[in-house]
Amino acid sequence: MKHSMVRVREGVIRLHRVSESLEGENLQRYKREQPVIDSEGQLFGKVATEEVLEPCN
């Protein structure tokens, strides 16, 4: 019984470490991709604004 509890505890510790690693990777990915997403949104907003301001012929 004690052996299985030790294995469960070790598994939980490993899972926690993997979770922390993934969180760090996701944060790094977000920091790399967010400026591109922001730029795309600004470009889209600018194009939409210009289209709305131009009169239709």
N, C-alpha and C. Protein backbone atom coordinates (compact mmCIF):
# COMPACT_ATOMS: atom_id res chain seq x y z
N MET A 1 0.82 -1.20 0.00
CA MET A 1 0.00 0.00 0.00
C MET A 1 0.87 1.27 0.00
N LYS A 2 1.92 1.28 0.84
CA LYS A 2 2.78 2.46 0.89
C LYS A 2 3.50 2.67 -0.44
N HIS A 3 3.88 1.58 -1.07
CA HIS A 3 4.58 1.67 -2.36
C HIS A 3 3.70 2.36 -3.41
N SER A 4 2.43 2.03 -3.45
CA SER A 4 1.53 2.64 -4.43
C SER A 4 1.32 4.12 -4.12
N MET A 5 1.28 4.47 -2.85
CA MET A 5 1.14 5.89 -2.47
C MET A 5 2.36 6.69 -2.89
N VAL A 6 3.53 6.10 -2.75
CA VAL A 6 4.77 6.77 -3.17
C VAL A 6 4.75 6.98 -4.68
N ARG A 7 4.32 5.97 -5.42
CA ARG A 7 4.25 6.09 -6.88
C ARG A 7 3.25 7.16 -7.31
N VAL A 8 2.13 7.24 -6.60
CA VAL A 8 1.14 8.27 -6.91
C VAL A 8 1.73 9.65 -6.64
N ARG A 9 2.39 9.81 -5.51
CA ARG A 9 3.00 11.09 -5.16
C ARG A 9 4.05 11.49 -6.20
N GLU A 10 4.89 10.54 -6.62
CA GLU A 10 5.90 10.81 -7.64
C GLU A 10 5.24 11.22 -8.95
N GLY A 11 4.15 10.55 -9.29
CA GLY A 11 3.42 10.90 -10.52
C GLY A 11 2.84 12.31 -10.46
N VAL A 12 2.33 12.67 -9.30
CA VAL A 12 1.77 14.01 -9.13
C VAL A 12 2.88 15.06 -9.26
N ILE A 13 4.02 14.78 -8.67
CA ILE A 13 5.15 15.71 -8.76
C ILE A 13 5.60 15.87 -10.21
N ARG A 14 5.70 14.76 -10.94
CA ARG A 14 6.08 14.84 -12.36
C ARG A 14 5.06 15.62 -13.16
N LEU A 15 3.79 15.37 -12.90
CA LEU A 15 2.73 16.09 -13.61
C LEU A 15 2.80 17.58 -13.34
N HIS A 16 3.08 17.95 -12.09
CA HIS A 16 3.19 19.36 -11.73
C HIS A 16 4.36 20.02 -12.48
N ARG A 17 5.48 19.32 -12.56
CA ARG A 17 6.64 19.86 -13.28
C ARG A 17 6.35 20.04 -14.76
N VAL A 18 5.67 19.07 -15.36
CA VAL A 18 5.31 19.17 -16.77
C VAL A 18 4.36 20.34 -16.98
N SER A 19 3.41 20.50 -16.08
CA SER A 19 2.45 21.60 -16.17
C SER A 19 3.17 22.95 -16.11
N GLU A 20 4.12 23.09 -15.18
CA GLU A 20 4.88 24.34 -15.08
C GLU A 20 5.69 24.59 -16.34
N SER A 21 6.25 23.54 -16.92
CA SER A 21 7.03 23.67 -18.14
C SER A 21 6.15 24.15 -19.29
N LEU A 22 4.96 23.57 -19.41
CA LEU A 22 4.04 23.97 -20.47
C LEU A 22 3.57 25.41 -20.30
N GLU A 23 3.34 25.81 -19.05
CA GLU A 23 2.94 27.19 -18.79
C GLU A 23 4.03 28.15 -19.26
N GLY A 24 5.28 27.80 -18.97
CA GLY A 24 6.40 28.65 -19.40
C GLY A 24 6.50 28.71 -20.91
N GLU A 25 6.32 27.57 -21.57
CA GLU A 25 6.36 27.55 -23.03
C GLU A 25 5.22 28.36 -23.62
N ASN A 26 4.03 28.25 -23.05
CA ASN A 26 2.89 29.01 -23.54
C ASN A 26 3.10 30.51 -23.36
N LEU A 27 3.70 30.90 -22.24
CA LEU A 27 3.97 32.31 -21.99
C LEU A 27 4.98 32.84 -23.01
N GLN A 28 6.03 32.07 -23.28
CA GLN A 28 7.02 32.49 -24.27
C GLN A 28 6.38 32.61 -25.65
N ARG A 29 5.55 31.65 -26.00
CA ARG A 29 4.86 31.68 -27.31
C ARG A 29 3.95 32.91 -27.40
N TYR A 30 3.21 33.20 -26.33
CA TYR A 30 2.33 34.37 -26.30
C TYR A 30 3.14 35.65 -26.51
N LYS A 31 4.28 35.75 -25.82
CA LYS A 31 5.10 36.96 -25.94
C LYS A 31 5.65 37.12 -27.36
N ARG A 32 5.93 36.00 -28.05
CA ARG A 32 6.42 36.07 -29.43
C ARG A 32 5.29 36.43 -30.40
N GLU A 33 4.12 35.88 -30.19
CA GLU A 33 3.04 36.02 -31.16
C GLU A 33 2.15 37.24 -30.92
N GLN A 34 2.07 37.73 -29.72
CA GLN A 34 1.13 38.81 -29.42
C GLN A 34 1.42 40.09 -30.21
N PRO A 35 2.67 40.51 -30.40
CA PRO A 35 2.91 41.71 -31.21
C PRO A 35 2.38 41.56 -32.64
N VAL A 36 2.49 40.38 -33.20
CA VAL A 36 1.99 40.13 -34.56
C VAL A 36 0.46 40.23 -34.56
N ILE A 37 -0.17 39.64 -33.57
CA ILE A 37 -1.63 39.68 -33.48
C ILE A 37 -2.09 41.12 -33.30
N ASP A 38 -1.40 41.89 -32.45
CA ASP A 38 -1.75 43.30 -32.24
C ASP A 38 -1.60 44.09 -33.53
N SER A 39 -0.52 43.86 -34.27
CA SER A 39 -0.29 44.57 -35.53
C SER A 39 -1.37 44.24 -36.55
N GLU A 40 -1.72 42.96 -36.64
CA GLU A 40 -2.77 42.57 -37.57
C GLU A 40 -4.09 43.26 -37.22
N GLY A 41 -4.39 43.32 -35.94
CA GLY A 41 -5.63 43.98 -35.51
C GLY A 41 -5.62 45.46 -35.82
N GLN A 42 -4.47 46.12 -35.63
CA GLN A 42 -4.36 47.53 -35.94
C GLN A 42 -4.50 47.78 -37.43
N LEU A 43 -3.88 46.93 -38.22
CA LEU A 43 -4.00 47.08 -39.66
C LEU A 43 -5.43 46.88 -40.11
N PHE A 44 -6.09 45.89 -39.58
CA PHE A 44 -7.47 45.63 -39.95
C PHE A 44 -8.36 46.81 -39.53
N GLY A 45 -8.13 47.30 -38.34
CA GLY A 45 -8.92 48.44 -37.84
C GLY A 45 -8.72 49.66 -38.70
N LYS A 46 -7.49 49.89 -39.15
CA LYS A 46 -7.20 51.06 -39.98
C LYS A 46 -7.86 50.92 -41.34
N VAL A 47 -7.79 49.73 -41.92
CA VAL A 47 -8.41 49.51 -43.23
C VAL A 47 -9.91 49.67 -43.12
N ALA A 48 -10.50 49.11 -42.08
CA ALA A 48 -11.96 49.22 -41.91
C ALA A 48 -12.36 50.66 -41.72
N THR A 49 -11.58 51.44 -40.97
CA THR A 49 -11.90 52.84 -40.73
C THR A 49 -11.84 53.62 -42.03
N GLU A 50 -10.81 53.38 -42.84
CA GLU A 50 -10.68 54.10 -44.11
C GLU A 50 -11.84 53.76 -45.04
N GLU A 51 -12.26 52.51 -45.08
CA GLU A 51 -13.36 52.11 -45.93
C GLU A 51 -14.65 52.78 -45.49
N VAL A 52 -14.85 52.90 -44.18
CA VAL A 52 -16.07 53.50 -43.68
C VAL A 52 -16.08 55.00 -43.98
N LEU A 53 -14.92 55.63 -43.91
CA LEU A 53 -14.85 57.07 -44.14
C LEU A 53 -14.97 57.46 -45.60
N GLU A 54 -14.60 56.58 -46.53
CA GLU A 54 -14.66 56.90 -47.95
C GLU A 54 -16.11 56.86 -48.44
N PRO A 55 -16.53 57.88 -49.15
CA PRO A 55 -17.90 57.87 -49.66
C PRO A 55 -18.06 56.83 -50.79
N CYS A 56 -19.23 56.27 -50.86
CA CYS A 56 -19.54 55.31 -51.93
C CYS A 56 -19.95 56.06 -53.18
N ASN A 57 -19.48 55.61 -54.33
CA ASN A 57 -19.86 56.26 -55.60
C ASN A 57 -20.95 55.50 -56.29
